[in-house]
């Protein structure tokens, strides 16, 4: 015999709803649905994070490695101060890139974000991921004392700037409107702002 599940509905509504399944079966179905939803979110987050890490690896590791194989840099002992500056810039850029990936993926964004990301690194600069990669490449250029790497970095920075100004920002403005305009007024495009803007 089928069991009925009594739902606590607002006053004036029928408080007795007949379900064709037992209470236990309903609970199992709801729990399975929740697990499936969480699995899908975890899968999409993992895929996006992996994609961004792969892109960063190709841009900041694979391509510079090929450049240095054909045009070796100078040893660490030559211009030590420049080498140390390169280590610092690379570390800062790498930490910024990884934190940006966390902010974009884990803090609520997905393949098509439903909310404008303005927290974390996105609250300091509008393009933290590109900035992080550029700092890594600039650091590598200093560390290896390579004009070829520096030229590659400058070319990539120019392409990123044109892409952001010509394509990305107009699309963001069309999608988010005044919210994006206010965000642009508060947060710089490339140079991080570590203090709150005065109003």
N, C-alpha and C. Protein backbone atom coordinates (compact mmCIF):
# COMPACT_ATOMS: atom_id res chain seq x y z
N UNK A 1 0.86 -1.19 0.00
CA UNK A 1 0.00 0.00 0.00
C UNK A 1 0.88 1.23 0.00
N UNK A 2 0.53 2.25 -0.83
CA UNK A 2 1.32 3.47 -0.91
C UNK A 2 1.18 4.29 0.35
N UNK A 3 2.25 4.98 0.73
CA UNK A 3 2.23 5.85 1.89
C UNK A 3 2.04 7.27 1.44
N UNK A 4 1.48 8.13 2.27
CA UNK A 4 1.32 9.54 1.96
C UNK A 4 2.34 10.35 2.71
N UNK A 5 2.81 11.46 2.08
CA UNK A 5 3.78 12.35 2.71
C UNK A 5 3.07 13.64 3.03
N UNK A 6 3.09 14.05 4.28
CA UNK A 6 2.43 15.28 4.71
C UNK A 6 3.42 16.43 4.61
N UNK A 7 3.08 17.46 3.80
CA UNK A 7 3.95 18.62 3.61
C UNK A 7 3.43 19.78 4.41
N UNK A 8 4.32 20.54 5.03
CA UNK A 8 3.95 21.75 5.76
C UNK A 8 3.84 22.90 4.79
N UNK A 9 2.64 23.13 4.27
CA UNK A 9 2.42 24.19 3.31
C UNK A 9 1.85 25.40 3.99
N UNK A 10 1.89 26.59 3.34
CA UNK A 10 1.32 27.80 3.95
C UNK A 10 -0.17 27.62 4.24
N UNK A 11 -0.68 28.40 5.19
CA UNK A 11 -2.08 28.34 5.58
C UNK A 11 -2.98 28.60 4.37
N UNK A 12 -4.00 27.82 4.25
CA UNK A 12 -4.92 27.96 3.14
C UNK A 12 -4.64 26.96 2.03
N UNK A 13 -3.51 26.27 2.10
CA UNK A 13 -3.18 25.27 1.10
C UNK A 13 -3.47 23.89 1.65
N UNK A 14 -3.63 22.93 0.78
CA UNK A 14 -3.86 21.56 1.20
C UNK A 14 -2.60 21.01 1.84
N UNK A 15 -2.71 20.61 3.08
CA UNK A 15 -1.54 20.17 3.82
C UNK A 15 -1.31 18.68 3.72
N UNK A 16 -2.09 18.01 2.90
CA UNK A 16 -1.91 16.58 2.74
C UNK A 16 -1.81 16.27 1.27
N UNK A 17 -0.62 15.86 0.84
CA UNK A 17 -0.37 15.57 -0.57
C UNK A 17 -0.03 14.11 -0.71
N UNK A 18 -0.74 13.43 -1.58
CA UNK A 18 -0.49 12.01 -1.80
C UNK A 18 0.65 11.82 -2.79
N UNK A 19 1.67 11.11 -2.37
CA UNK A 19 2.80 10.79 -3.24
C UNK A 19 2.73 9.31 -3.60
N UNK A 20 3.06 8.96 -4.83
CA UNK A 20 2.99 7.55 -5.23
C UNK A 20 4.16 6.73 -4.73
N UNK A 21 5.08 7.38 -3.98
CA UNK A 21 6.24 6.66 -3.47
C UNK A 21 6.28 6.80 -1.96
N UNK A 22 7.10 6.01 -1.35
CA UNK A 22 7.26 6.10 0.09
C UNK A 22 8.14 7.28 0.44
N UNK A 23 8.09 7.68 1.72
CA UNK A 23 8.92 8.79 2.18
C UNK A 23 10.40 8.51 1.94
N UNK A 24 10.83 7.30 2.23
CA UNK A 24 12.23 6.94 2.03
C UNK A 24 12.65 7.06 0.59
N UNK A 25 11.80 6.67 -0.34
CA UNK A 25 12.13 6.75 -1.75
C UNK A 25 12.28 8.19 -2.20
N UNK A 26 11.39 9.08 -1.69
CA UNK A 26 11.49 10.50 -2.03
C UNK A 26 12.80 11.07 -1.53
N UNK A 27 13.17 10.74 -0.30
CA UNK A 27 14.42 11.24 0.27
C UNK A 27 15.61 10.78 -0.54
N UNK A 28 15.60 9.52 -0.99
CA UNK A 28 16.69 8.99 -1.79
C UNK A 28 16.79 9.72 -3.12
N UNK A 29 15.62 10.00 -3.74
CA UNK A 29 15.63 10.69 -5.02
C UNK A 29 16.17 12.11 -4.88
N UNK A 30 15.76 12.83 -3.83
CA UNK A 30 16.25 14.18 -3.61
C UNK A 30 17.74 14.19 -3.34
N UNK A 31 18.19 13.21 -2.55
CA UNK A 31 19.61 13.15 -2.23
C UNK A 31 20.43 12.85 -3.48
N UNK A 32 19.94 11.97 -4.34
CA UNK A 32 20.64 11.64 -5.57
C UNK A 32 20.70 12.85 -6.50
N UNK A 33 19.59 13.61 -6.55
CA UNK A 33 19.57 14.81 -7.38
C UNK A 33 20.58 15.84 -6.90
N UNK A 34 20.69 16.00 -5.57
CA UNK A 34 21.66 16.95 -5.01
C UNK A 34 23.09 16.54 -5.33
N UNK A 35 23.35 15.23 -5.20
CA UNK A 35 24.70 14.74 -5.49
C UNK A 35 25.05 14.95 -6.97
N UNK A 36 24.08 14.72 -7.85
CA UNK A 36 24.31 14.90 -9.28
C UNK A 36 24.62 16.36 -9.59
N UNK A 37 23.86 17.28 -8.98
CA UNK A 37 24.08 18.71 -9.20
C UNK A 37 25.47 19.12 -8.73
N UNK A 38 25.86 18.66 -7.55
CA UNK A 38 27.19 18.99 -7.03
C UNK A 38 28.29 18.42 -7.90
N UNK A 39 28.08 17.22 -8.43
CA UNK A 39 29.07 16.59 -9.28
C UNK A 39 29.26 17.37 -10.57
N UNK A 40 28.15 17.87 -11.12
CA UNK A 40 28.25 18.66 -12.35
C UNK A 40 29.00 19.96 -12.11
N UNK A 41 28.72 20.62 -10.99
CA UNK A 41 29.42 21.86 -10.66
C UNK A 41 30.90 21.59 -10.47
N UNK A 42 31.23 20.52 -9.74
CA UNK A 42 32.63 20.18 -9.49
C UNK A 42 33.35 19.86 -10.79
N UNK A 43 32.66 19.17 -11.71
CA UNK A 43 33.26 18.82 -12.99
C UNK A 43 33.55 20.06 -13.83
N UNK A 44 32.58 20.98 -13.88
CA UNK A 44 32.78 22.20 -14.67
C UNK A 44 33.88 23.07 -14.07
N UNK A 45 33.92 23.16 -12.74
CA UNK A 45 34.96 23.93 -12.07
C UNK A 45 36.34 23.33 -12.34
N UNK A 46 36.44 22.01 -12.24
CA UNK A 46 37.71 21.34 -12.47
C UNK A 46 38.17 21.51 -13.91
N UNK A 47 37.23 21.43 -14.85
CA UNK A 47 37.58 21.57 -16.26
C UNK A 47 38.08 22.98 -16.55
N UNK A 48 37.40 23.99 -16.01
CA UNK A 48 37.80 25.37 -16.25
C UNK A 48 39.15 25.67 -15.63
N UNK A 49 39.36 25.18 -14.41
CA UNK A 49 40.63 25.40 -13.73
C UNK A 49 41.77 24.73 -14.50
N UNK A 50 41.54 23.50 -14.97
CA UNK A 50 42.56 22.78 -15.74
C UNK A 50 42.87 23.53 -17.03
N UNK A 51 41.82 24.05 -17.70
CA UNK A 51 42.04 24.79 -18.94
C UNK A 51 42.90 26.01 -18.72
N UNK A 52 42.63 26.76 -17.67
CA UNK A 52 43.39 27.98 -17.40
C UNK A 52 44.83 27.67 -17.00
N UNK A 53 45.03 26.58 -16.29
CA UNK A 53 46.39 26.19 -15.92
C UNK A 53 47.18 25.72 -17.15
N UNK A 54 46.49 25.03 -18.06
CA UNK A 54 47.15 24.58 -19.29
C UNK A 54 47.56 25.78 -20.14
N UNK A 55 46.65 26.74 -20.29
CA UNK A 55 46.97 27.94 -21.06
C UNK A 55 48.16 28.67 -20.45
N UNK A 56 48.14 28.82 -19.13
CA UNK A 56 49.26 29.48 -18.45
C UNK A 56 50.56 28.72 -18.64
N UNK A 57 50.49 27.38 -18.62
CA UNK A 57 51.70 26.58 -18.81
C UNK A 57 52.28 26.73 -20.20
N UNK A 58 51.41 26.76 -21.20
CA UNK A 58 51.89 26.91 -22.58
C UNK A 58 52.52 28.29 -22.78
N UNK A 59 51.82 29.33 -22.31
CA UNK A 59 52.28 30.71 -22.53
C UNK A 59 53.56 31.01 -21.75
N UNK A 60 53.62 30.58 -20.49
CA UNK A 60 54.72 31.00 -19.61
C UNK A 60 55.81 29.96 -19.43
N UNK A 61 55.60 28.73 -19.92
CA UNK A 61 56.62 27.69 -19.74
C UNK A 61 57.05 27.10 -21.10
N UNK A 62 56.10 26.57 -21.85
CA UNK A 62 56.44 25.87 -23.09
C UNK A 62 57.06 26.81 -24.13
N UNK A 63 56.42 27.93 -24.40
CA UNK A 63 56.94 28.85 -25.41
C UNK A 63 58.29 29.45 -24.99
N UNK A 64 58.44 29.96 -23.73
CA UNK A 64 59.76 30.46 -23.33
C UNK A 64 60.85 29.39 -23.40
N UNK A 65 60.49 28.14 -23.07
CA UNK A 65 61.48 27.06 -23.15
C UNK A 65 61.99 26.89 -24.58
N UNK A 66 61.07 26.94 -25.54
CA UNK A 66 61.48 26.81 -26.94
C UNK A 66 62.32 28.01 -27.39
N UNK A 67 61.95 29.19 -26.92
CA UNK A 67 62.73 30.39 -27.27
C UNK A 67 64.14 30.28 -26.73
N UNK A 68 64.29 29.85 -25.48
CA UNK A 68 65.61 29.76 -24.86
C UNK A 68 66.44 28.63 -25.45
N UNK A 69 65.79 27.60 -25.97
CA UNK A 69 66.55 26.53 -26.62
C UNK A 69 67.23 27.04 -27.88
N UNK A 70 66.54 27.91 -28.60
CA UNK A 70 67.14 28.47 -29.81
C UNK A 70 68.02 29.69 -29.55
N UNK A 71 67.73 30.39 -28.46
CA UNK A 71 68.48 31.61 -28.13
C UNK A 71 68.75 31.62 -26.62
N UNK A 72 69.77 30.90 -26.17
CA UNK A 72 70.04 30.79 -24.73
C UNK A 72 70.30 32.14 -24.08
N UNK A 73 69.87 32.25 -22.81
CA UNK A 73 70.12 33.46 -22.06
C UNK A 73 71.50 33.45 -21.42
N UNK A 74 71.71 34.40 -20.52
CA UNK A 74 72.99 34.51 -19.84
C UNK A 74 72.89 33.89 -18.45
N UNK A 75 74.03 33.48 -17.87
CA UNK A 75 74.01 32.80 -16.57
C UNK A 75 73.52 33.70 -15.44
N UNK A 76 73.11 33.05 -14.34
CA UNK A 76 72.57 33.76 -13.18
C UNK A 76 73.58 34.74 -12.60
N UNK A 77 74.86 34.33 -12.56
CA UNK A 77 75.91 35.15 -11.93
C UNK A 77 76.15 36.46 -12.66
N UNK A 78 75.74 36.53 -13.90
CA UNK A 78 75.92 37.76 -14.66
C UNK A 78 74.73 38.68 -14.41
N UNK A 79 74.99 39.86 -13.87
CA UNK A 79 73.93 40.79 -13.47
C UNK A 79 72.99 40.11 -12.45
N UNK A 80 73.56 39.82 -11.27
CA UNK A 80 72.81 39.10 -10.24
C UNK A 80 71.56 39.87 -9.83
N UNK A 81 71.67 41.19 -9.73
CA UNK A 81 70.51 41.99 -9.32
C UNK A 81 69.35 41.81 -10.29
N UNK A 82 69.66 41.74 -11.58
CA UNK A 82 68.61 41.53 -12.57
C UNK A 82 68.01 40.14 -12.43
N UNK A 83 68.84 39.16 -12.12
CA UNK A 83 68.35 37.80 -11.91
C UNK A 83 67.41 37.73 -10.71
N UNK A 84 67.80 38.40 -9.62
CA UNK A 84 66.95 38.40 -8.42
C UNK A 84 65.63 39.13 -8.68
N UNK A 85 65.70 40.21 -9.44
CA UNK A 85 64.46 40.91 -9.81
C UNK A 85 63.56 40.00 -10.63
N UNK A 86 64.17 39.18 -11.49
CA UNK A 86 63.40 38.23 -12.27
C UNK A 86 62.72 37.19 -11.41
N UNK A 87 63.43 36.69 -10.40
CA UNK A 87 62.84 35.72 -9.47
C UNK A 87 61.64 36.34 -8.75
N UNK A 88 61.79 37.58 -8.29
CA UNK A 88 60.71 38.25 -7.57
C UNK A 88 59.49 38.45 -8.47
N UNK A 89 59.70 38.95 -9.68
CA UNK A 89 58.58 39.19 -10.59
C UNK A 89 57.86 37.89 -10.97
N UNK A 90 58.65 36.85 -11.20
CA UNK A 90 58.07 35.55 -11.55
C UNK A 90 57.22 35.01 -10.41
N UNK A 91 57.72 35.12 -9.18
CA UNK A 91 56.97 34.63 -8.02
C UNK A 91 55.68 35.42 -7.83
N UNK A 92 55.76 36.74 -7.93
CA UNK A 92 54.57 37.58 -7.78
C UNK A 92 53.54 37.26 -8.87
N UNK A 93 54.02 37.15 -10.11
CA UNK A 93 53.11 36.84 -11.20
C UNK A 93 52.46 35.48 -11.06
N UNK A 94 53.22 34.49 -10.64
CA UNK A 94 52.68 33.14 -10.47
C UNK A 94 51.64 33.10 -9.37
N UNK A 95 51.95 33.73 -8.24
CA UNK A 95 50.97 33.76 -7.14
C UNK A 95 49.70 34.49 -7.55
N UNK A 96 49.88 35.59 -8.28
CA UNK A 96 48.71 36.33 -8.74
C UNK A 96 47.88 35.53 -9.71
N UNK A 97 48.53 34.80 -10.61
CA UNK A 97 47.81 33.99 -11.59
C UNK A 97 47.01 32.88 -10.92
N UNK A 98 47.65 32.18 -9.98
CA UNK A 98 46.96 31.09 -9.29
C UNK A 98 45.81 31.61 -8.43
N UNK A 99 46.03 32.75 -7.76
CA UNK A 99 44.95 33.32 -6.95
C UNK A 99 43.80 33.78 -7.85
N UNK A 100 44.14 34.31 -9.02
CA UNK A 100 43.11 34.74 -9.96
C UNK A 100 42.29 33.55 -10.44
N UNK A 101 42.95 32.43 -10.74
CA UNK A 101 42.24 31.23 -11.15
C UNK A 101 41.29 30.77 -10.05
N UNK A 102 41.74 30.86 -8.80
CA UNK A 102 40.86 30.51 -7.68
C UNK A 102 39.67 31.45 -7.60
N UNK A 103 39.92 32.75 -7.70
CA UNK A 103 38.84 33.74 -7.61
C UNK A 103 37.81 33.54 -8.71
N UNK A 104 38.27 33.30 -9.92
CA UNK A 104 37.37 33.20 -11.06
C UNK A 104 36.55 31.91 -11.02
N UNK A 105 37.18 30.80 -10.63
CA UNK A 105 36.51 29.51 -10.69
C UNK A 105 35.77 29.20 -9.41
N UNK A 106 36.48 29.19 -8.28
CA UNK A 106 35.90 28.73 -7.02
C UNK A 106 34.94 29.75 -6.44
N UNK A 107 35.20 31.04 -6.63
CA UNK A 107 34.39 32.06 -5.98
C UNK A 107 33.11 32.38 -6.73
N UNK A 108 32.66 31.46 -7.58
CA UNK A 108 31.32 31.62 -8.12
C UNK A 108 31.19 31.76 -9.60
N UNK A 109 32.29 31.77 -10.35
CA UNK A 109 32.18 31.91 -11.79
C UNK A 109 32.24 30.55 -12.45
N UNK A 110 31.73 30.48 -13.69
CA UNK A 110 31.78 29.24 -14.46
C UNK A 110 32.07 29.60 -15.90
N UNK A 111 31.74 28.70 -16.84
CA UNK A 111 32.04 28.96 -18.24
C UNK A 111 31.32 30.21 -18.74
N UNK A 112 30.10 30.44 -18.29
CA UNK A 112 29.35 31.66 -18.61
C UNK A 112 28.90 32.27 -17.30
N UNK A 113 29.71 33.10 -16.66
CA UNK A 113 29.41 33.62 -15.33
C UNK A 113 28.07 34.36 -15.30
N UNK A 114 27.31 34.11 -14.25
CA UNK A 114 26.03 34.81 -14.07
C UNK A 114 26.19 36.05 -13.22
N UNK A 115 27.36 36.22 -12.62
CA UNK A 115 27.64 37.39 -11.81
C UNK A 115 28.96 38.02 -12.25
N UNK A 116 29.01 39.33 -12.19
CA UNK A 116 30.24 40.04 -12.53
C UNK A 116 31.26 39.82 -11.42
N UNK A 117 32.42 39.26 -11.78
CA UNK A 117 33.45 38.96 -10.79
C UNK A 117 34.17 40.24 -10.40
N UNK A 118 34.02 40.66 -9.15
CA UNK A 118 34.64 41.91 -8.69
C UNK A 118 35.37 41.70 -7.37
N UNK A 119 35.47 40.46 -6.90
CA UNK A 119 36.10 40.19 -5.61
C UNK A 119 37.52 39.66 -5.80
N UNK A 120 38.26 39.58 -4.71
CA UNK A 120 39.61 39.03 -4.75
C UNK A 120 40.52 39.85 -5.63
N UNK A 121 41.27 39.18 -6.50
CA UNK A 121 42.19 39.88 -7.39
C UNK A 121 41.44 40.79 -8.37
N UNK A 122 40.19 40.44 -8.68
CA UNK A 122 39.40 41.28 -9.59
C UNK A 122 38.98 42.59 -8.93
N UNK A 123 39.15 42.70 -7.62
CA UNK A 123 38.90 43.95 -6.94
C UNK A 123 40.11 44.86 -6.93
N UNK A 124 41.25 44.35 -7.39
CA UNK A 124 42.49 45.14 -7.45
C UNK A 124 42.80 45.61 -8.86
N UNK A 125 42.53 44.76 -9.83
CA UNK A 125 42.83 45.07 -11.23
C UNK A 125 41.84 44.28 -12.09
N UNK A 126 41.46 44.86 -13.24
CA UNK A 126 40.38 44.25 -14.03
C UNK A 126 40.84 43.01 -14.81
N UNK A 127 42.13 42.89 -15.06
CA UNK A 127 42.63 41.76 -15.85
C UNK A 127 43.78 41.06 -15.12
N UNK A 128 43.50 40.50 -13.95
CA UNK A 128 44.59 39.94 -13.13
C UNK A 128 45.27 38.73 -13.74
N UNK A 129 44.53 37.93 -14.52
CA UNK A 129 45.14 36.74 -15.09
C UNK A 129 46.18 37.11 -16.15
N UNK A 130 45.82 38.02 -17.05
CA UNK A 130 46.78 38.48 -18.06
C UNK A 130 47.98 39.17 -17.40
N UNK A 131 47.70 39.98 -16.39
CA UNK A 131 48.77 40.68 -15.69
C UNK A 131 49.72 39.69 -15.03
N UNK A 132 49.17 38.64 -14.42
CA UNK A 132 50.01 37.63 -13.79
C UNK A 132 50.94 36.95 -14.78
N UNK A 133 50.41 36.59 -15.96
CA UNK A 133 51.24 35.95 -16.97
C UNK A 133 52.32 36.90 -17.49
N UNK A 134 51.96 38.16 -17.68
CA UNK A 134 52.94 39.13 -18.17
C UNK A 134 54.07 39.32 -17.15
N UNK A 135 53.73 39.36 -15.86
CA UNK A 135 54.75 39.49 -14.82
C UNK A 135 55.67 38.27 -14.80
N UNK A 136 55.08 37.07 -14.96
CA UNK A 136 55.90 35.86 -15.01
C UNK A 136 56.88 35.92 -16.18
N UNK A 137 56.38 36.30 -17.34
CA UNK A 137 57.24 36.38 -18.53
C UNK A 137 58.31 37.47 -18.39
N UNK A 138 57.92 38.59 -17.80
CA UNK A 138 58.89 39.66 -17.58
C UNK A 138 59.98 39.19 -16.62
N UNK A 139 59.56 38.46 -15.58
CA UNK A 139 60.53 37.92 -14.64
C UNK A 139 61.47 36.92 -15.30
N UNK A 140 60.93 36.09 -16.18
CA UNK A 140 61.78 35.14 -16.90
C UNK A 140 62.76 35.87 -17.82
N UNK A 141 62.30 36.93 -18.44
CA UNK A 141 63.18 37.72 -19.32
C UNK A 141 64.34 38.30 -18.53
N UNK A 142 64.06 38.82 -17.33
CA UNK A 142 65.12 39.37 -16.48
C UNK A 142 66.06 38.27 -15.97
N UNK A 143 65.47 37.16 -15.55
CA UNK A 143 66.27 36.09 -14.96
C UNK A 143 67.27 35.52 -15.97
N UNK A 144 66.79 35.29 -17.20
CA UNK A 144 67.67 34.71 -18.22
C UNK A 144 68.39 35.77 -19.05
N UNK A 145 68.09 37.05 -18.77
CA UNK A 145 68.69 38.16 -19.53
C UNK A 145 68.54 37.93 -21.04
N UNK A 146 67.31 37.69 -21.45
CA UNK A 146 67.03 37.32 -22.83
C UNK A 146 66.20 38.41 -23.51
N UNK A 147 66.79 39.02 -24.54
CA UNK A 147 66.05 40.00 -25.33
C UNK A 147 64.93 39.33 -26.12
N UNK A 148 65.13 38.08 -26.50
CA UNK A 148 64.09 37.35 -27.23
C UNK A 148 62.85 37.13 -26.36
N UNK A 149 63.09 36.76 -25.12
CA UNK A 149 61.96 36.59 -24.19
C UNK A 149 61.27 37.92 -23.91
N UNK A 150 62.05 38.98 -23.82
CA UNK A 150 61.48 40.30 -23.57
C UNK A 150 60.61 40.74 -24.75
N UNK A 151 61.08 40.45 -25.97
CA UNK A 151 60.29 40.79 -27.15
C UNK A 151 58.99 39.98 -27.19
N UNK A 152 59.08 38.71 -26.82
CA UNK A 152 57.88 37.86 -26.75
C UNK A 152 56.90 38.39 -25.71
N UNK A 153 57.43 38.82 -24.56
CA UNK A 153 56.59 39.38 -23.50
C UNK A 153 55.89 40.65 -23.97
N UNK A 154 56.65 41.53 -24.61
CA UNK A 154 56.08 42.80 -25.09
C UNK A 154 55.00 42.54 -26.14
N UNK A 155 55.25 41.59 -27.03
CA UNK A 155 54.26 41.26 -28.07
C UNK A 155 52.99 40.72 -27.44
N UNK A 156 53.15 39.82 -26.48
CA UNK A 156 51.98 39.24 -25.81
C UNK A 156 51.20 40.31 -25.04
N UNK A 157 51.92 41.22 -24.38
CA UNK A 157 51.26 42.29 -23.63
C UNK A 157 50.47 43.20 -24.57
N UNK A 158 51.04 43.50 -25.74
CA UNK A 158 50.35 44.35 -26.71
C UNK A 158 49.10 43.66 -27.23
N UNK A 159 49.20 42.37 -27.55
CA UNK A 159 48.04 41.61 -28.02
C UNK A 159 46.96 41.57 -26.95
N UNK A 160 47.37 41.35 -25.70
CA UNK A 160 46.40 41.30 -24.60
C UNK A 160 45.68 42.64 -24.45
N UNK A 161 46.44 43.73 -24.54
CA UNK A 161 45.84 45.06 -24.39
C UNK A 161 44.83 45.34 -25.50
N UNK A 162 45.21 45.05 -26.73
CA UNK A 162 44.30 45.29 -27.85
C UNK A 162 43.05 44.43 -27.73
N UNK A 163 43.24 43.17 -27.34
CA UNK A 163 42.10 42.26 -27.19
C UNK A 163 41.13 42.76 -26.12
N UNK A 164 41.68 43.21 -25.00
CA UNK A 164 40.84 43.69 -23.90
C UNK A 164 40.08 44.95 -24.30
N UNK A 165 40.79 45.91 -24.91
CA UNK A 165 40.17 47.20 -25.24
C UNK A 165 39.18 47.09 -26.39
N UNK A 166 39.55 46.34 -27.43
CA UNK A 166 38.73 46.31 -28.64
C UNK A 166 37.59 45.30 -28.55
N UNK A 167 37.81 44.17 -27.89
CA UNK A 167 36.81 43.11 -27.89
C UNK A 167 36.16 42.88 -26.53
N UNK A 168 36.99 42.64 -25.50
CA UNK A 168 36.43 42.20 -24.22
C UNK A 168 35.62 43.28 -23.52
N UNK A 169 36.19 44.47 -23.40
CA UNK A 169 35.50 45.52 -22.65
C UNK A 169 34.17 45.94 -23.29
N UNK A 170 34.08 46.10 -24.63
CA UNK A 170 32.77 46.39 -25.21
C UNK A 170 31.74 45.30 -24.95
N UNK A 171 32.18 44.03 -24.97
CA UNK A 171 31.25 42.94 -24.69
C UNK A 171 30.79 42.98 -23.23
N UNK A 172 31.71 43.25 -22.32
CA UNK A 172 31.35 43.36 -20.91
C UNK A 172 30.40 44.52 -20.68
N UNK A 173 30.66 45.63 -21.35
CA UNK A 173 29.79 46.80 -21.21
C UNK A 173 28.39 46.50 -21.73
N UNK A 174 28.31 45.80 -22.85
CA UNK A 174 27.00 45.45 -23.40
C UNK A 174 26.26 44.49 -22.48
N UNK A 175 26.99 43.59 -21.83
CA UNK A 175 26.35 42.59 -20.97
C UNK A 175 25.96 43.15 -19.62
N UNK A 176 26.84 43.96 -19.00
CA UNK A 176 26.64 44.39 -17.63
C UNK A 176 26.21 45.85 -17.49
N UNK A 177 26.39 46.66 -18.53
CA UNK A 177 25.90 48.03 -18.52
C UNK A 177 26.56 48.89 -17.45
N UNK A 178 25.71 49.61 -16.69
CA UNK A 178 26.21 50.56 -15.69
C UNK A 178 27.02 49.89 -14.58
N UNK A 179 26.70 48.63 -14.26
CA UNK A 179 27.48 47.92 -13.25
C UNK A 179 28.94 47.81 -13.67
N UNK A 180 29.16 47.54 -14.95
CA UNK A 180 30.53 47.42 -15.43
C UNK A 180 31.22 48.78 -15.50
N UNK A 181 30.47 49.82 -15.86
CA UNK A 181 31.04 51.17 -15.87
C UNK A 181 31.51 51.58 -14.48
N UNK A 182 30.70 51.31 -13.47
CA UNK A 182 31.08 51.64 -12.09
C UNK A 182 32.29 50.81 -11.66
N UNK A 183 32.32 49.56 -12.10
CA UNK A 183 33.47 48.70 -11.79
C UNK A 183 34.75 49.26 -12.42
N UNK A 184 34.66 49.73 -13.68
CA UNK A 184 35.82 50.31 -14.35
C UNK A 184 36.29 51.59 -13.67
N UNK A 185 35.35 52.35 -13.11
CA UNK A 185 35.73 53.57 -12.40
C UNK A 185 36.48 53.27 -11.12
N UNK A 186 36.17 52.16 -10.47
CA UNK A 186 36.80 51.80 -9.20
C UNK A 186 38.11 51.03 -9.39
N UNK A 187 38.17 50.19 -10.44
CA UNK A 187 39.29 49.25 -10.57
C UNK A 187 40.04 49.52 -11.87
N UNK A 188 41.37 49.71 -11.81
CA UNK A 188 42.16 49.98 -13.02
C UNK A 188 42.24 48.77 -13.94
N UNK A 189 42.62 49.03 -15.18
CA UNK A 189 42.71 47.95 -16.17
C UNK A 189 43.94 47.08 -15.95
N UNK A 190 45.11 47.71 -15.71
CA UNK A 190 46.36 46.94 -15.66
C UNK A 190 47.16 47.16 -14.38
N UNK A 191 47.16 48.35 -13.83
CA UNK A 191 47.98 48.64 -12.64
C UNK A 191 47.12 48.47 -11.39
N UNK A 192 47.42 47.49 -10.54
CA UNK A 192 46.56 47.23 -9.38
C UNK A 192 46.41 48.43 -8.46
N UNK A 193 45.23 48.58 -7.90
CA UNK A 193 44.98 49.63 -6.92
C UNK A 193 44.74 48.96 -5.57
N UNK A 194 45.61 49.23 -4.61
CA UNK A 194 45.55 48.58 -3.31
C UNK A 194 44.83 49.42 -2.26
N UNK A 195 44.38 50.61 -2.64
CA UNK A 195 43.64 51.46 -1.72
C UNK A 195 42.26 51.74 -2.30
N UNK A 196 41.29 51.99 -1.44
CA UNK A 196 39.95 52.30 -1.90
C UNK A 196 39.93 53.67 -2.56
N UNK A 197 39.24 53.80 -3.70
CA UNK A 197 39.16 55.10 -4.36
C UNK A 197 38.35 56.08 -3.52
N UNK A 198 38.79 57.31 -3.49
CA UNK A 198 38.06 58.33 -2.74
C UNK A 198 36.85 58.78 -3.53
N UNK A 199 35.76 59.05 -2.84
CA UNK A 199 34.53 59.49 -3.50
C UNK A 199 34.24 60.94 -3.16
